[in-house]
């Protein structure tokens, strides 16, 4: 299962938030073996950037570990609104 999490970040908080997200992702990689990616749209709209974290091939319990890591890192205080999580799986052809 791949996790895609997107959220908005006030442009004036982006420089401070980026290293915090990267540090959290490094910790998750060390603890769970999942290498996260951080992406963002190239242009801000109304002072907000859209960011996306991508975590490929995660175990079923990874989402709970990610939520705990986000809380521990205090990321929610630096974003505008909620983090939205989407789950995707690989297309497996029927036998």
PDB file of N, CA and C in Angstrom:
ATOM      1  N   UNK A   1       0.850  -1.167   0.000  1.00  0.00           N
ATOM      2  CA  UNK A   1       0.000   0.000   0.000  1.00  0.00           C
ATOM      3  C   UNK A   1       0.899   1.234   0.000  1.00  0.00           C
ATOM      4  N   UNK A   2       0.597   2.153  -0.895  1.00  0.00           N
ATOM      5  CA  UNK A   2       1.331   3.418  -0.970  1.00  0.00           C
ATOM      6  C   UNK A   2       0.478   4.516  -0.343  1.00  0.00           C
ATOM      7  N   UNK A   3       1.113   5.364   0.459  1.00  0.00           N
ATOM      8  CA  UNK A   3       0.416   6.487   1.086  1.00  0.00           C
ATOM      9  C   UNK A   3       0.820   7.784   0.405  1.00  0.00           C
ATOM     10  N   UNK A   4      -0.183   8.601   0.107  1.00  0.00           N
ATOM     11  CA  UNK A   4       0.014   9.939  -0.444  1.00  0.00           C
ATOM     12  C   UNK A   4      -0.686  10.906   0.496  1.00  0.00           C
ATOM     13  N   UNK A   5       0.064  11.814   1.086  1.00  0.00           N
ATOM     14  CA  UNK A   5      -0.497  12.769   2.041  1.00  0.00           C
ATOM     15  C   UNK A   5      -0.253  14.167   1.501  1.00  0.00           C
ATOM     16  N   UNK A   6      -1.319  14.919   1.343  1.00  0.00           N
ATOM     17  CA  UNK A   6      -1.155  16.283   0.850  1.00  0.00           C
ATOM     18  C   UNK A   6      -1.771  17.265   1.833  1.00  0.00           C
ATOM     19  N   UNK A   7      -1.212  18.474   1.826  1.00  0.00           N
ATOM     20  CA  UNK A   7      -1.649  19.519   2.749  1.00  0.00           C
ATOM     21  C   UNK A   7      -1.119  20.849   2.263  1.00  0.00           C
ATOM     22  N   UNK A   8      -1.614  21.910   2.851  1.00  0.00           N
ATOM     23  CA  UNK A   8      -1.176  23.248   2.464  1.00  0.00           C
ATOM     24  C   UNK A   8      -0.294  23.850   3.554  1.00  0.00           C
ATOM     25  N   UNK A   9       0.694  24.588   3.086  1.00  0.00           N
ATOM     26  CA  UNK A   9       1.669  25.215   3.973  1.00  0.00           C
ATOM     27  C   UNK A   9       1.729  26.705   3.653  1.00  0.00           C
ATOM     28  N   UNK A  10       1.547  27.559   4.667  1.00  0.00           N
ATOM     29  CA  UNK A  10       1.741  28.991   4.418  1.00  0.00           C
ATOM     30  C   UNK A  10       3.166  29.218   3.899  1.00  0.00           C
ATOM     31  N   UNK A  11       3.280  29.993   2.837  1.00  0.00           N
ATOM     32  CA  UNK A  11       4.582  30.201   2.190  1.00  0.00           C
ATOM     33  C   UNK A  11       5.632  30.717   3.167  1.00  0.00           C
ATOM     34  N   UNK A  12       5.222  31.501   4.145  1.00  0.00           N
ATOM     35  CA  UNK A  12       6.202  32.048   5.087  1.00  0.00           C
ATOM     36  C   UNK A  12       6.674  31.021   6.123  1.00  0.00           C
ATOM     37  N   UNK A  13       6.076  29.832   6.154  1.00  0.00           N
ATOM     38  CA  UNK A  13       6.504  28.770   7.075  1.00  0.00           C
ATOM     39  C   UNK A  13       7.266  27.651   6.371  1.00  0.00           C
ATOM     40  N   UNK A  14       7.298  27.699   5.051  1.00  0.00           N
ATOM     41  CA  UNK A  14       7.865  26.598   4.276  1.00  0.00           C
ATOM     42  C   UNK A  14       9.335  26.334   4.610  1.00  0.00           C
ATOM     43  N   UNK A  15      10.134  27.365   4.703  1.00  0.00           N
ATOM     44  CA  UNK A  15      11.568  27.185   4.948  1.00  0.00           C
ATOM     45  C   UNK A  15      11.837  26.510   6.282  1.00  0.00           C
ATOM     46  N   UNK A  16      11.015  26.779   7.284  1.00  0.00           N
ATOM     47  CA  UNK A  16      11.194  26.150   8.595  1.00  0.00           C
ATOM     48  C   UNK A  16      10.599  24.749   8.643  1.00  0.00           C
ATOM     49  N   UNK A  17       9.536  24.530   7.884  1.00  0.00           N
ATOM     50  CA  UNK A  17       8.858  23.231   7.933  1.00  0.00           C
ATOM     51  C   UNK A  17       9.616  22.159   7.161  1.00  0.00           C
ATOM     52  N   UNK A  18      10.227  22.527   6.052  1.00  0.00           N
ATOM     53  CA  UNK A  18      10.886  21.529   5.213  1.00  0.00           C
ATOM     54  C   UNK A  18      11.901  20.665   5.971  1.00  0.00           C
ATOM     55  N   UNK A  19      12.831  21.246   6.741  1.00  0.00           N
ATOM     56  CA  UNK A  19      13.780  20.385   7.450  1.00  0.00           C
ATOM     57  C   UNK A  19      13.108  19.523   8.520  1.00  0.00           C
ATOM     58  N   UNK A  20      12.016  19.999   9.092  1.00  0.00           N
ATOM     59  CA  UNK A  20      11.301  19.196  10.092  1.00  0.00           C
ATOM     60  C   UNK A  20      10.667  17.972   9.443  1.00  0.00           C
ATOM     61  N   UNK A  21      10.085  18.147   8.259  1.00  0.00           N
ATOM     62  CA  UNK A  21       9.492  17.009   7.550  1.00  0.00           C
ATOM     63  C   UNK A  21      10.586  16.036   7.128  1.00  0.00           C
ATOM     64  N   UNK A  22      11.675  16.558   6.602  1.00  0.00           N
ATOM     65  CA  UNK A  22      12.775  15.687   6.171  1.00  0.00           C
ATOM     66  C   UNK A  22      13.355  14.892   7.346  1.00  0.00           C
ATOM     67  N   UNK A  23      13.495  15.528   8.498  1.00  0.00           N
ATOM     68  CA  UNK A  23      13.999  14.824   9.687  1.00  0.00           C
ATOM     69  C   UNK A  23      13.031  13.727  10.108  1.00  0.00           C
ATOM     70  N   UNK A  24      11.736  14.018  10.073  1.00  0.00           N
ATOM     71  CA  UNK A  24      10.734  13.016  10.416  1.00  0.00           C
ATOM     72  C   UNK A  24      10.818  11.839   9.441  1.00  0.00           C
ATOM     73  N   UNK A  25      10.962  12.138   8.154  1.00  0.00           N
ATOM     74  CA  UNK A  25      11.053  11.073   7.160  1.00  0.00           C
ATOM     75  C   UNK A  25      12.314  10.228   7.354  1.00  0.00           C
ATOM     76  N   UNK A  26      13.405  10.844   7.743  1.00  0.00           N
ATOM     77  CA  UNK A  26      14.636  10.092   8.020  1.00  0.00           C
ATOM     78  C   UNK A  26      14.443   9.148   9.192  1.00  0.00           C
ATOM     79  N   UNK A  27      13.763   9.638  10.218  1.00  0.00           N
ATOM     80  CA  UNK A  27      13.482   8.804  11.386  1.00  0.00           C
ATOM     81  C   UNK A  27      12.575   7.634  11.007  1.00  0.00           C
ATOM     82  N   UNK A  28      11.546   7.900  10.214  1.00  0.00           N
ATOM     83  CA  UNK A  28      10.655   6.832   9.772  1.00  0.00           C
ATOM     84  C   UNK A  28      11.397   5.804   8.922  1.00  0.00           C
ATOM     85  N   UNK A  29      12.308   6.262   8.072  1.00  0.00           N
ATOM     86  CA  UNK A  29      13.092   5.343   7.245  1.00  0.00           C
ATOM     87  C   UNK A  29      13.949   4.430   8.119  1.00  0.00           C
ATOM     88  N   UNK A  30      14.565   5.007   9.144  1.00  0.00           N
ATOM     89  CA  UNK A  30      15.410   4.218  10.039  1.00  0.00           C
ATOM     90  C   UNK A  30      14.596   3.210  10.839  1.00  0.00           C
ATOM     91  N   UNK A  31      13.412   3.601  11.276  1.00  0.00           N
ATOM     92  CA  UNK A  31      12.600   2.736  12.130  1.00  0.00           C
ATOM     93  C   UNK A  31      11.738   1.740  11.364  1.00  0.00           C
ATOM     94  N   UNK A  32      11.286   2.125  10.154  1.00  0.00           N
ATOM     95  CA  UNK A  32      10.312   1.293   9.435  1.00  0.00           C
ATOM     96  C   UNK A  32      10.770   0.878   8.034  1.00  0.00           C
ATOM     97  N   UNK A  33      11.930   1.360   7.603  1.00  0.00           N
ATOM     98  CA  UNK A  33      12.435   0.983   6.299  1.00  0.00           C
ATOM     99  C   UNK A  33      11.659   1.562   5.131  1.00  0.00           C
ATOM    100  N   UNK A  34      10.923   2.643   5.365  1.00  0.00           N
ATOM    101  CA  UNK A  34      10.133   3.286   4.316  1.00  0.00           C
ATOM    102  C   UNK A  34      10.778   4.628   3.988  1.00  0.00           C
ATOM    103  N   UNK A  35      11.232   4.770   2.764  1.00  0.00           N
ATOM    104  CA  UNK A  35      11.859   6.022   2.332  1.00  0.00           C
ATOM    105  C   UNK A  35      10.785   6.956   1.786  1.00  0.00           C
ATOM    106  N   UNK A  36      10.489   7.997   2.532  1.00  0.00           N
ATOM    107  CA  UNK A  36       9.480   8.959   2.117  1.00  0.00           C
ATOM    108  C   UNK A  36      10.038   9.980   1.144  1.00  0.00           C
ATOM    109  N   UNK A  37       9.144  10.541   0.370  1.00  0.00           N
ATOM    110  CA  UNK A  37       9.491  11.622  -0.553  1.00  0.00           C
ATOM    111  C   UNK A  37       8.689  12.851  -0.157  1.00  0.00           C
ATOM    112  N   UNK A  38       9.251  14.021  -0.370  1.00  0.00           N
ATOM    113  CA  UNK A  38       8.555  15.275  -0.125  1.00  0.00           C
ATOM    114  C   UNK A  38       8.494  16.034  -1.438  1.00  0.00           C
ATOM    115  N   UNK A  39       7.282  16.387  -1.844  1.00  0.00           N
ATOM    116  CA  UNK A  39       7.064  17.100  -3.101  1.00  0.00           C
ATOM    117  C   UNK A  39       6.204  18.327  -2.827  1.00  0.00           C
ATOM    118  N   UNK A  40       6.250  19.281  -3.744  1.00  0.00           N
ATOM    119  CA  UNK A  40       5.383  20.447  -3.613  1.00  0.00           C
ATOM    120  C   UNK A  40       5.077  21.007  -4.980  1.00  0.00           C
ATOM    121  N   UNK A  41       3.943  21.687  -5.065  1.00  0.00           N
ATOM    122  CA  UNK A  41       3.610  22.368  -6.316  1.00  0.00           C
ATOM    123  C   UNK A  41       4.538  23.564  -6.461  1.00  0.00           C
ATOM    124  N   UNK A  42       4.939  23.868  -7.689  1.00  0.00           N
ATOM    125  CA  UNK A  42       5.946  24.920  -7.872  1.00  0.00           C
ATOM    126  C   UNK A  42       5.458  26.341  -7.591  1.00  0.00           C
ATOM    127  N   UNK A  43       4.157  26.556  -7.533  1.00  0.00           N
ATOM    128  CA  UNK A  43       3.658  27.916  -7.321  1.00  0.00           C
ATOM    129  C   UNK A  43       2.690  27.952  -6.135  1.00  0.00           C
ATOM    130  N   UNK A  44       2.793  28.987  -5.337  1.00  0.00           N
ATOM    131  CA  UNK A  44       1.860  29.195  -4.226  1.00  0.00           C
ATOM    132  C   UNK A  44       0.592  29.851  -4.764  1.00  0.00           C
ATOM    133  N   UNK A  45      -0.512  29.570  -4.100  1.00  0.00           N
ATOM    134  CA  UNK A  45      -1.786  30.202  -4.448  1.00  0.00           C
ATOM    135  C   UNK A  45      -2.359  30.781  -3.164  1.00  0.00           C
ATOM    136  N   UNK A  46      -2.669  32.061  -3.195  1.00  0.00           N
ATOM    137  CA  UNK A  46      -3.193  32.755  -2.019  1.00  0.00           C
ATOM    138  C   UNK A  46      -2.277  32.594  -0.811  1.00  0.00           C
ATOM    139  N   UNK A  47      -0.966  32.604  -1.062  1.00  0.00           N
ATOM    140  CA  UNK A  47       0.014  32.507   0.021  1.00  0.00           C
ATOM    141  C   UNK A  47       0.209  31.105   0.568  1.00  0.00           C
ATOM    142  N   UNK A  48      -0.367  30.104  -0.102  1.00  0.00           N
ATOM    143  CA  UNK A  48      -0.264  28.719   0.373  1.00  0.00           C
ATOM    144  C   UNK A  48       0.403  27.847  -0.686  1.00  0.00           C
ATOM    145  N   UNK A  49       1.305  26.997  -0.228  1.00  0.00           N
ATOM    146  CA  UNK A  49       1.919  25.988  -1.079  1.00  0.00           C
ATOM    147  C   UNK A  49       1.229  24.655  -0.801  1.00  0.00           C
ATOM    148  N   UNK A  50       1.081  23.825  -1.818  1.00  0.00           N
ATOM    149  CA  UNK A  50       0.574  22.474  -1.617  1.00  0.00           C
ATOM    150  C   UNK A  50       1.759  21.522  -1.595  1.00  0.00           C
ATOM    151  N   UNK A  51       1.864  20.773  -0.508  1.00  0.00           N
ATOM    152  CA  UNK A  51       2.938  19.804  -0.332  1.00  0.00           C
ATOM    153  C   UNK A  51       2.354  18.402  -0.358  1.00  0.00           C
ATOM    154  N   UNK A  52       3.197  17.438  -0.740  1.00  0.00           N
ATOM    155  CA  UNK A  52       2.790  16.044  -0.716  1.00  0.00           C
ATOM    156  C   UNK A  52       3.936  15.194  -0.185  1.00  0.00           C
ATOM    157  N   UNK A  53       3.585  14.313   0.726  1.00  0.00           N
ATOM    158  CA  UNK A  53       4.513  13.286   1.191  1.00  0.00           C
ATOM    159  C   UNK A  53       4.073  11.981   0.553  1.00  0.00           C
ATOM    160  N   UNK A  54       5.036  11.209   0.069  1.00  0.00           N
ATOM    161  CA  UNK A  54       4.765   9.934  -0.569  1.00  0.00           C
ATOM    162  C   UNK A  54       5.551   8.859   0.168  1.00  0.00           C
ATOM    163  N   UNK A  55       4.857   7.794   0.554  1.00  0.00           N
ATOM    164  CA  UNK A  55       5.476   6.668   1.243  1.00  0.00           C
ATOM    165  C   UNK A  55       5.093   5.392   0.497  1.00  0.00           C
ATOM    166  N   UNK A  56       6.006   4.854  -0.333  1.00  0.00           N
ATOM    167  CA  UNK A  56       5.673   3.669  -1.124  1.00  0.00           C
ATOM    168  C   UNK A  56       5.846   2.367  -0.333  1.00  0.00           C
ATOM    169  N   UNK A  57       5.045   1.396  -0.708  1.00  0.00           N
ATOM    170  CA  UNK A  57       5.166   0.020  -0.197  1.00  0.00           C
ATOM    171  C   UNK A  57       5.219  -0.049   1.329  1.00  0.00           C
ATOM    172  N   UNK A  58       4.193   0.499   1.968  1.00  0.00           N
ATOM    173  CA  UNK A  58       4.165   0.523   3.429  1.00  0.00           C
ATOM    174  C   UNK A  58       3.428  -0.690   3.992  1.00  0.00           C
ATOM    175  N   UNK A  59       3.758  -1.030   5.219  1.00  0.00           N
ATOM    176  CA  UNK A  59       3.064  -2.086   5.954  1.00  0.00           C
ATOM    177  C   UNK A  59       1.743  -1.524   6.492  1.00  0.00           C
ATOM    178  N   UNK A  60       0.803  -2.403   6.818  1.00  0.00           N
ATOM    179  CA  UNK A  60      -0.494  -1.926   7.312  1.00  0.00           C
ATOM    180  C   UNK A  60      -0.414  -1.032   8.550  1.00  0.00           C
ATOM    181  N   UNK A  61       0.583  -1.220   9.403  1.00  0.00           N
ATOM    182  CA  UNK A  61       0.679  -0.421  10.625  1.00  0.00           C
ATOM    183  C   UNK A  61       1.458   0.883  10.436  1.00  0.00           C
ATOM    184  N   UNK A  62       1.943   1.142   9.218  1.00  0.00           N
ATOM    185  CA  UNK A  62       2.761   2.333   8.999  1.00  0.00           C
ATOM    186  C   UNK A  62       1.968   3.623   9.177  1.00  0.00           C
ATOM    187  N   UNK A  63       0.704   3.648   8.791  1.00  0.00           N
ATOM    188  CA  UNK A  63      -0.097   4.875   8.896  1.00  0.00           C
ATOM    189  C   UNK A  63      -0.157   5.361  10.343  1.00  0.00           C
ATOM    190  N   UNK A  64      -0.302   4.442  11.279  1.00  0.00           N
ATOM    191  CA  UNK A  64      -0.332   4.818  12.699  1.00  0.00           C
ATOM    192  C   UNK A  64       1.028   5.357  13.143  1.00  0.00           C
ATOM    193  N   UNK A  65       2.101   4.736  12.673  1.00  0.00           N
ATOM    194  CA  UNK A  65       3.451   5.221  13.007  1.00  0.00           C
ATOM    195  C   UNK A  65       3.679   6.608  12.419  1.00  0.00           C
ATOM    196  N   UNK A  66       3.182   6.835  11.213  1.00  0.00           N
ATOM    197  CA  UNK A  66       3.318   8.145  10.586  1.00  0.00           C
ATOM    198  C   UNK A  66       2.555   9.207  11.372  1.00  0.00           C
ATOM    199  N   UNK A  67       1.332   8.898  11.772  1.00  0.00           N
ATOM    200  CA  UNK A  67       0.548   9.842  12.577  1.00  0.00           C
ATOM    201  C   UNK A  67       1.274  10.204  13.869  1.00  0.00           C
ATOM    202  N   UNK A  68       1.857   9.212  14.510  1.00  0.00           N
ATOM    203  CA  UNK A  68       2.596   9.466  15.757  1.00  0.00           C
ATOM    204  C   UNK A  68       3.824  10.330  15.492  1.00  0.00           C
ATOM    205  N   UNK A  69       4.518  10.075  14.389  1.00  0.00           N
ATOM    206  CA  UNK A  69       5.707  10.864  14.054  1.00  0.00           C
ATOM    207  C   UNK A  69       5.343  12.310  13.738  1.00  0.00           C
ATOM    208  N   UNK A  70       4.229  12.514  13.045  1.00  0.00           N
ATOM    209  CA  UNK A  70       3.756  13.869  12.738  1.00  0.00           C
ATOM    210  C   UNK A  70       3.462  14.622  14.034  1.00  0.00           C
ATOM    211  N   UNK A  71       2.777  13.963  14.954  1.00  0.00           N
ATOM    212  CA  UNK A  71       2.450  14.597  16.239  1.00  0.00           C
ATOM    213  C   UNK A  71       3.724  14.920  17.021  1.00  0.00           C
ATOM    214  N   UNK A  72       4.643  13.967  17.063  1.00  0.00           N
ATOM    215  CA  UNK A  72       5.883  14.171  17.811  1.00  0.00           C
ATOM    216  C   UNK A  72       6.701  15.317  17.211  1.00  0.00           C
ATOM    217  N   UNK A  73       6.703  15.448  15.897  1.00  0.00           N
ATOM    218  CA  UNK A  73       7.469  16.509  15.241  1.00  0.00           C
ATOM    219  C   UNK A  73       6.765  17.858  15.304  1.00  0.00           C
ATOM    220  N   UNK A  74       5.496  17.877  15.713  1.00  0.00           N
ATOM    221  CA  UNK A  74       4.753  19.130  15.812  1.00  0.00           C
ATOM    222  C   UNK A  74       4.427  19.764  14.470  1.00  0.00           C
ATOM    223  N   UNK A  75       4.291  18.950  13.431  1.00  0.00           N
ATOM    224  CA  UNK A  75       4.078  19.484  12.085  1.00  0.00           C
ATOM    225  C   UNK A  75       2.732  20.171  11.912  1.00  0.00           C
ATOM    226  N   UNK A  76       1.716  19.715  12.618  1.00  0.00           N
ATOM    227  CA  UNK A  76       0.376  20.266  12.415  1.00  0.00           C
ATOM    228  C   UNK A  76       0.296  21.754  12.740  1.00  0.00           C
ATOM    229  N   UNK A  77       1.162  22.227  13.613  1.00  0.00           N
ATOM    230  CA  UNK A  77       1.155  23.654  13.972  1.00  0.00           C
ATOM    231  C   UNK A  77       1.635  24.542  12.825  1.00  0.00           C
ATOM    232  N   UNK A  78       2.297  23.957  11.837  1.00  0.00           N
ATOM    233  CA  UNK A  78       2.872  24.750  10.749  1.00  0.00           C
ATOM    234  C   UNK A  78       2.134  24.613   9.423  1.00  0.00           C
ATOM    235  N   UNK A  79       1.041  23.869   9.417  1.00  0.00           N
ATOM    236  CA  UNK A  79       0.304  23.730   8.164  1.00  0.00           C
ATOM    237  C   UNK A  79      -1.043  24.429   8.280  1.00  0.00           C
ATOM    238  N   UNK A  80      -1.656  24.678   7.134  1.00  0.00           N
ATOM    239  CA  UNK A  80      -2.972  25.322   7.093  1.00  0.00           C
ATOM    240  C   UNK A  80      -4.010  24.247   6.785  1.00  0.00           C
ATOM    241  N   UNK A  81      -4.863  23.962   7.736  1.00  0.00           N
ATOM    242  CA  UNK A  81      -5.881  22.944   7.515  1.00  0.00           C
ATOM    243  C   UNK A  81      -5.392  21.555   7.871  1.00  0.00           C
ATOM    244  N   UNK A  82      -6.016  20.579   7.257  1.00  0.00           N
ATOM    245  CA  UNK A  82      -5.754  19.179   7.591  1.00  0.00           C
ATOM    246  C   UNK A  82      -4.772  18.536   6.620  1.00  0.00           C
ATOM    247  N   UNK A  83      -4.194  17.435   7.070  1.00  0.00           N
ATOM    248  CA  UNK A  83      -3.430  16.553   6.193  1.00  0.00           C
ATOM    249  C   UNK A  83      -4.427  15.552   5.612  1.00  0.00           C
ATOM    250  N   UNK A  84      -4.395  15.391   4.311  1.00  0.00           N
ATOM    251  CA  UNK A  84      -5.317  14.488   3.626  1.00  0.00           C
ATOM    252  C   UNK A  84      -4.530  13.275   3.155  1.00  0.00           C
ATOM    253  N   UNK A  85      -4.994  12.093   3.539  1.00  0.00           N
ATOM    254  CA  UNK A  85      -4.294  10.861   3.207  1.00  0.00           C
ATOM    255  C   UNK A  85      -5.066  10.068   2.171  1.00  0.00           C
ATOM    256  N   UNK A  86      -4.360   9.630   1.152  1.00  0.00           N
ATOM    257  CA  UNK A  86      -4.922   8.762   0.115  1.00  0.00           C
ATOM    258  C   UNK A  86      -4.089   7.484   0.101  1.00  0.00           C
ATOM    259  N   UNK A  87      -4.761   6.348  -0.033  1.00  0.00           N
ATOM    260  CA  UNK A  87      -4.104   5.048  -0.091  1.00  0.00           C
ATOM    261  C   UNK A  87      -4.269   4.478  -1.499  1.00  0.00           C
ATOM    262  N   UNK A  88      -3.188   3.960  -2.047  1.00  0.00           N
ATOM    263  CA  UNK A  88      -3.218   3.326  -3.361  1.00  0.00           C
ATOM    264  C   UNK A  88      -2.522   1.990  -3.274  1.00  0.00           C
ATOM    265  N   UNK A  89      -3.023   1.029  -4.038  1.00  0.00           N
ATOM    266  CA  UNK A  89      -2.380  -0.270  -4.143  1.00  0.00           C
ATOM    267  C   UNK A  89      -2.055  -0.529  -5.605  1.00  0.00           C
ATOM    268  N   UNK A  90      -1.166  -1.460  -5.829  1.00  0.00           N
ATOM    269  CA  UNK A  90      -0.802  -1.832  -7.189  1.00  0.00           C
ATOM    270  C   UNK A  90      -1.957  -2.559  -7.857  1.00  0.00           C
ATOM    271  N   UNK A  91      -2.065  -2.396  -9.147  1.00  0.00           N
ATOM    272  CA  UNK A  91      -3.056  -3.105  -9.934  1.00  0.00           C
ATOM    273  C   UNK A  91      -2.589  -4.542 -10.100  1.00  0.00           C
ATOM    274  N   UNK A  92      -3.382  -5.470  -9.598  1.00  0.00           N
ATOM    275  CA  UNK A  92      -3.031  -6.879  -9.706  1.00  0.00           C
ATOM    276  C   UNK A  92      -4.038  -7.532 -10.650  1.00  0.00           C
ATOM    277  N   UNK A  93      -3.568  -8.047 -11.779  1.00  0.00           N
ATOM    278  CA  UNK A  93      -4.499  -8.659 -12.723  1.00  0.00           C
ATOM    279  C   UNK A  93      -5.129  -9.916 -12.129  1.00  0.00           C
ATOM    280  N   UNK A  94      -6.353 -10.157 -12.518  1.00  0.00           N
ATOM    281  CA  UNK A  94      -7.048 -11.372 -12.072  1.00  0.00           C
ATOM    282  C   UNK A  94      -6.412 -12.584 -12.755  1.00  0.00           C
ATOM    283  N   UNK A  95      -6.356 -13.663 -12.015  1.00  0.00           N
ATOM    284  CA  UNK A  95      -5.737 -14.876 -12.559  1.00  0.00           C
ATOM    285  C   UNK A  95      -6.699 -15.663 -13.414  1.00  0.00           C
TER     286      UNK A  95
END
